[in-house]
Amino acid sequence: MKVDPTMLSFDIAQRIAHTVLEEGRRRGTAPLTVVVLDAGGHQVVLYRQDGAGIVRPQIAVGKAWGSLGLGFSSRGIAEAAKRFPRLLRRARGRL
């Protein structure tokens, strides 16, 4: 079976998510929800720690989807929204 080197495998997605959760534990953060999307915006992995808020999965997916679609981090989206306030209004809840 030939594997596409640009494809995000399930194993790699799991490792990314586990690394994020481990970093959260190291920093002593509140319970996290982590989602990893492939290049097409499809969910590969989603982990929600015990105690994470009820809407955290939807928030995590929205942040990841927006970052993927715009090509920069969710922090970058927040900075852009400050500079260009109509950006998020035009997204109509998709980011």
N, C-alpha and C. Protein backbone atom coordinates (compact mmCIF):
# COMPACT_ATOMS: atom_id res chain seq x y z
N MET A 1 0.85 -1.18 0.00
CA MET A 1 0.00 0.00 0.00
C MET A 1 0.89 1.24 0.00
N LYS A 2 0.65 2.11 -0.95
CA LYS A 2 1.42 3.34 -1.05
C LYS A 2 0.77 4.42 -0.17
N VAL A 3 1.58 5.11 0.63
CA VAL A 3 1.08 6.12 1.55
C VAL A 3 1.47 7.50 1.05
N ASP A 4 0.50 8.40 1.02
CA ASP A 4 0.74 9.78 0.62
C ASP A 4 1.46 10.49 1.78
N PRO A 5 2.69 10.98 1.57
CA PRO A 5 3.44 11.61 2.67
C PRO A 5 2.82 12.92 3.16
N THR A 6 1.90 13.51 2.39
CA THR A 6 1.26 14.75 2.83
C THR A 6 -0.02 14.48 3.63
N MET A 7 -0.44 13.22 3.67
CA MET A 7 -1.67 12.87 4.38
C MET A 7 -1.40 12.76 5.88
N LEU A 8 -2.32 13.27 6.67
CA LEU A 8 -2.22 13.19 8.12
C LEU A 8 -2.81 11.85 8.56
N SER A 9 -1.95 10.99 9.08
CA SER A 9 -2.44 9.69 9.54
C SER A 9 -3.09 9.80 10.91
N PHE A 10 -3.90 8.81 11.23
CA PHE A 10 -4.54 8.76 12.54
C PHE A 10 -3.50 8.71 13.65
N ASP A 11 -2.45 7.93 13.46
CA ASP A 11 -1.39 7.81 14.48
C ASP A 11 -0.72 9.16 14.75
N ILE A 12 -0.41 9.88 13.69
CA ILE A 12 0.22 11.19 13.87
C ILE A 12 -0.75 12.16 14.52
N ALA A 13 -2.02 12.13 14.12
CA ALA A 13 -3.02 13.01 14.73
C ALA A 13 -3.14 12.71 16.23
N GLN A 14 -3.12 11.43 16.59
CA GLN A 14 -3.17 11.06 18.01
C GLN A 14 -1.95 11.59 18.76
N ARG A 15 -0.79 11.47 18.16
CA ARG A 15 0.44 11.97 18.81
C ARG A 15 0.38 13.48 19.02
N ILE A 16 -0.13 14.20 18.02
CA ILE A 16 -0.28 15.66 18.15
C ILE A 16 -1.20 15.97 19.33
N ALA A 17 -2.36 15.32 19.37
CA ALA A 17 -3.33 15.58 20.44
C ALA A 17 -2.76 15.23 21.80
N HIS A 18 -2.10 14.08 21.90
CA HIS A 18 -1.51 13.68 23.18
C HIS A 18 -0.43 14.67 23.63
N THR A 19 0.34 15.19 22.70
CA THR A 19 1.37 16.17 23.04
C THR A 19 0.74 17.44 23.59
N VAL A 20 -0.35 17.88 22.97
CA VAL A 20 -1.05 19.08 23.45
C VAL A 20 -1.60 18.85 24.85
N LEU A 21 -2.23 17.69 25.08
CA LEU A 21 -2.78 17.39 26.40
C LEU A 21 -1.68 17.30 27.45
N GLU A 22 -0.57 16.70 27.09
CA GLU A 22 0.56 16.60 28.03
C GLU A 22 1.10 17.99 28.37
N GLU A 23 1.19 18.86 27.39
CA GLU A 23 1.64 20.23 27.63
C GLU A 23 0.65 20.96 28.54
N GLY A 24 -0.62 20.73 28.35
CA GLY A 24 -1.63 21.32 29.23
C GLY A 24 -1.45 20.85 30.67
N ARG A 25 -1.20 19.57 30.85
CA ARG A 25 -0.94 19.04 32.20
C ARG A 25 0.30 19.68 32.80
N ARG A 26 1.34 19.79 31.97
CA ARG A 26 2.59 20.38 32.45
C ARG A 26 2.39 21.82 32.90
N ARG A 27 1.56 22.56 32.18
CA ARG A 27 1.30 23.96 32.51
C ARG A 27 0.22 24.14 33.58
N GLY A 28 -0.46 23.08 33.92
CA GLY A 28 -1.52 23.17 34.93
C GLY A 28 -2.77 23.87 34.44
N THR A 29 -3.10 23.71 33.16
CA THR A 29 -4.28 24.37 32.60
C THR A 29 -5.57 23.70 33.06
N ALA A 30 -6.66 24.38 32.83
CA ALA A 30 -7.97 23.78 33.03
C ALA A 30 -8.12 22.64 32.03
N PRO A 31 -9.09 21.73 32.24
CA PRO A 31 -9.28 20.62 31.30
C PRO A 31 -9.42 21.11 29.86
N LEU A 32 -8.77 20.41 28.96
CA LEU A 32 -8.71 20.81 27.55
C LEU A 32 -9.55 19.90 26.66
N THR A 33 -9.89 20.44 25.51
CA THR A 33 -10.43 19.67 24.40
C THR A 33 -9.54 19.96 23.21
N VAL A 34 -9.07 18.90 22.56
CA VAL A 34 -8.14 19.03 21.44
C VAL A 34 -8.75 18.35 20.22
N VAL A 35 -8.72 19.05 19.10
CA VAL A 35 -9.16 18.46 17.84
C VAL A 35 -8.03 18.60 16.83
N VAL A 36 -7.86 17.57 16.00
CA VAL A 36 -6.88 17.62 14.92
C VAL A 36 -7.66 17.36 13.63
N LEU A 37 -7.54 18.30 12.69
CA LEU A 37 -8.20 18.19 11.40
C LEU A 37 -7.19 17.84 10.32
N ASP A 38 -7.65 17.18 9.27
CA ASP A 38 -6.78 16.95 8.12
C ASP A 38 -6.81 18.18 7.22
N ALA A 39 -6.08 18.13 6.12
CA ALA A 39 -5.97 19.29 5.23
C ALA A 39 -7.31 19.69 4.62
N GLY A 40 -8.26 18.77 4.55
CA GLY A 40 -9.58 19.08 4.01
C GLY A 40 -10.56 19.59 5.06
N GLY A 41 -10.08 19.75 6.29
CA GLY A 41 -10.94 20.25 7.36
C GLY A 41 -11.77 19.17 8.04
N HIS A 42 -11.43 17.91 7.80
CA HIS A 42 -12.17 16.80 8.39
C HIS A 42 -11.52 16.40 9.71
N GLN A 43 -12.36 16.13 10.69
CA GLN A 43 -11.88 15.76 12.01
C GLN A 43 -11.23 14.38 11.97
N VAL A 44 -9.99 14.31 12.45
CA VAL A 44 -9.28 13.04 12.54
C VAL A 44 -9.32 12.54 13.98
N VAL A 45 -9.09 13.44 14.93
CA VAL A 45 -9.07 13.09 16.35
C VAL A 45 -9.70 14.22 17.14
N LEU A 46 -10.48 13.86 18.16
CA LEU A 46 -10.97 14.84 19.12
C LEU A 46 -10.91 14.19 20.50
N TYR A 47 -10.21 14.84 21.42
CA TYR A 47 -10.14 14.39 22.81
C TYR A 47 -10.68 15.49 23.71
N ARG A 48 -11.53 15.11 24.64
CA ARG A 48 -12.08 16.04 25.63
C ARG A 48 -11.76 15.48 27.00
N GLN A 49 -10.95 16.22 27.77
CA GLN A 49 -10.58 15.78 29.10
C GLN A 49 -11.78 15.87 30.04
N ASP A 50 -11.80 15.00 31.05
CA ASP A 50 -12.84 15.07 32.08
C ASP A 50 -12.87 16.47 32.66
N GLY A 51 -14.06 17.03 32.76
CA GLY A 51 -14.21 18.36 33.34
C GLY A 51 -14.19 19.49 32.33
N ALA A 52 -13.87 19.19 31.07
CA ALA A 52 -13.90 20.24 30.04
C ALA A 52 -15.36 20.64 29.79
N GLY A 53 -15.58 21.89 29.47
CA GLY A 53 -16.92 22.42 29.28
C GLY A 53 -17.72 21.70 28.21
N ILE A 54 -19.03 21.82 28.32
CA ILE A 54 -19.96 21.09 27.45
C ILE A 54 -19.85 21.50 25.98
N VAL A 55 -19.50 22.75 25.69
CA VAL A 55 -19.39 23.19 24.30
C VAL A 55 -17.95 23.22 23.79
N ARG A 56 -17.02 22.76 24.60
CA ARG A 56 -15.60 22.79 24.18
C ARG A 56 -15.33 22.03 22.89
N PRO A 57 -15.96 20.88 22.63
CA PRO A 57 -15.70 20.23 21.34
C PRO A 57 -16.06 21.12 20.15
N GLN A 58 -17.22 21.79 20.22
CA GLN A 58 -17.63 22.65 19.12
C GLN A 58 -16.69 23.85 18.99
N ILE A 59 -16.25 24.39 20.10
CA ILE A 59 -15.31 25.52 20.08
C ILE A 59 -13.98 25.07 19.46
N ALA A 60 -13.48 23.91 19.88
CA ALA A 60 -12.20 23.41 19.36
C ALA A 60 -12.27 23.19 17.85
N VAL A 61 -13.37 22.59 17.39
CA VAL A 61 -13.53 22.36 15.95
C VAL A 61 -13.61 23.68 15.20
N GLY A 62 -14.37 24.64 15.73
CA GLY A 62 -14.49 25.94 15.08
C GLY A 62 -13.16 26.67 14.98
N LYS A 63 -12.39 26.64 16.08
CA LYS A 63 -11.08 27.30 16.06
C LYS A 63 -10.14 26.62 15.06
N ALA A 64 -10.13 25.29 15.08
CA ALA A 64 -9.25 24.56 14.15
C ALA A 64 -9.67 24.78 12.71
N TRP A 65 -10.96 24.74 12.45
CA TRP A 65 -11.47 24.94 11.09
C TRP A 65 -11.14 26.34 10.58
N GLY A 66 -11.34 27.35 11.44
CA GLY A 66 -11.02 28.73 11.05
C GLY A 66 -9.54 28.91 10.79
N SER A 67 -8.72 28.32 11.64
CA SER A 67 -7.27 28.42 11.45
C SER A 67 -6.83 27.77 10.15
N LEU A 68 -7.38 26.61 9.89
CA LEU A 68 -7.04 25.90 8.66
C LEU A 68 -7.49 26.69 7.43
N GLY A 69 -8.71 27.19 7.49
CA GLY A 69 -9.26 27.92 6.35
C GLY A 69 -8.57 29.24 6.07
N LEU A 70 -8.16 29.93 7.13
CA LEU A 70 -7.51 31.23 6.95
C LEU A 70 -5.99 31.13 6.84
N GLY A 71 -5.45 30.00 7.27
CA GLY A 71 -4.01 29.80 7.14
C GLY A 71 -3.17 30.39 8.25
N PHE A 72 -3.79 30.74 9.38
CA PHE A 72 -3.00 31.15 10.53
C PHE A 72 -3.70 30.76 11.82
N SER A 73 -2.98 30.87 12.94
CA SER A 73 -3.46 30.37 14.23
C SER A 73 -4.72 31.09 14.70
N SER A 74 -5.39 30.49 15.68
CA SER A 74 -6.57 31.14 16.25
C SER A 74 -6.19 32.45 16.94
N ARG A 75 -4.99 32.53 17.48
CA ARG A 75 -4.53 33.81 18.02
C ARG A 75 -4.37 34.83 16.90
N GLY A 76 -3.88 34.36 15.77
CA GLY A 76 -3.75 35.25 14.62
C GLY A 76 -5.12 35.73 14.13
N ILE A 77 -6.13 34.85 14.21
CA ILE A 77 -7.48 35.25 13.84
C ILE A 77 -7.98 36.33 14.79
N ALA A 78 -7.72 36.16 16.08
CA ALA A 78 -8.15 37.16 17.08
C ALA A 78 -7.49 38.51 16.81
N GLU A 79 -6.21 38.49 16.48
CA GLU A 79 -5.50 39.74 16.17
C GLU A 79 -6.08 40.38 14.90
N ALA A 80 -6.36 39.56 13.90
CA ALA A 80 -6.94 40.09 12.66
C ALA A 80 -8.32 40.69 12.93
N ALA A 81 -9.09 40.03 13.81
CA ALA A 81 -10.43 40.54 14.14
C ALA A 81 -10.36 41.90 14.82
N LYS A 82 -9.32 42.13 15.61
CA LYS A 82 -9.14 43.45 16.23
C LYS A 82 -8.84 44.50 15.17
N ARG A 83 -8.03 44.13 14.20
CA ARG A 83 -7.64 45.08 13.15
C ARG A 83 -8.73 45.24 12.10
N PHE A 84 -9.48 44.17 11.85
CA PHE A 84 -10.52 44.16 10.82
C PHE A 84 -11.82 43.61 11.42
N PRO A 85 -12.55 44.43 12.17
CA PRO A 85 -13.71 43.94 12.93
C PRO A 85 -14.78 43.24 12.09
N ARG A 86 -14.90 43.58 10.83
CA ARG A 86 -15.94 42.96 10.00
C ARG A 86 -15.58 41.52 9.61
N LEU A 87 -14.35 41.12 9.83
CA LEU A 87 -13.91 39.77 9.46
C LEU A 87 -14.81 38.71 10.09
N LEU A 88 -15.01 38.77 11.39
CA LEU A 88 -15.81 37.74 12.06
C LEU A 88 -17.29 37.89 11.78
N ARG A 89 -17.76 39.10 11.61
CA ARG A 89 -19.18 39.28 11.28
C ARG A 89 -19.52 38.63 9.94
N ARG A 90 -18.61 38.73 8.99
CA ARG A 90 -18.86 38.13 7.67
C ARG A 90 -18.78 36.61 7.71
N ALA A 91 -18.04 36.07 8.66
CA ALA A 91 -17.91 34.61 8.76
C ALA A 91 -19.21 33.94 9.22
N ARG A 92 -20.10 34.72 9.85
CA ARG A 92 -21.41 34.22 10.29
C ARG A 92 -21.32 32.96 11.12
N GLY A 93 -20.44 32.98 12.12
CA GLY A 93 -20.35 31.88 13.06
C GLY A 93 -19.51 30.70 12.61
N ARG A 94 -18.91 30.77 11.43
CA ARG A 94 -18.12 29.64 10.94
C ARG A 94 -16.70 29.61 11.50
N LEU A 95 -16.25 30.70 12.15
CA LEU A 95 -14.90 30.73 12.72
C LEU A 95 -14.97 30.72 14.21
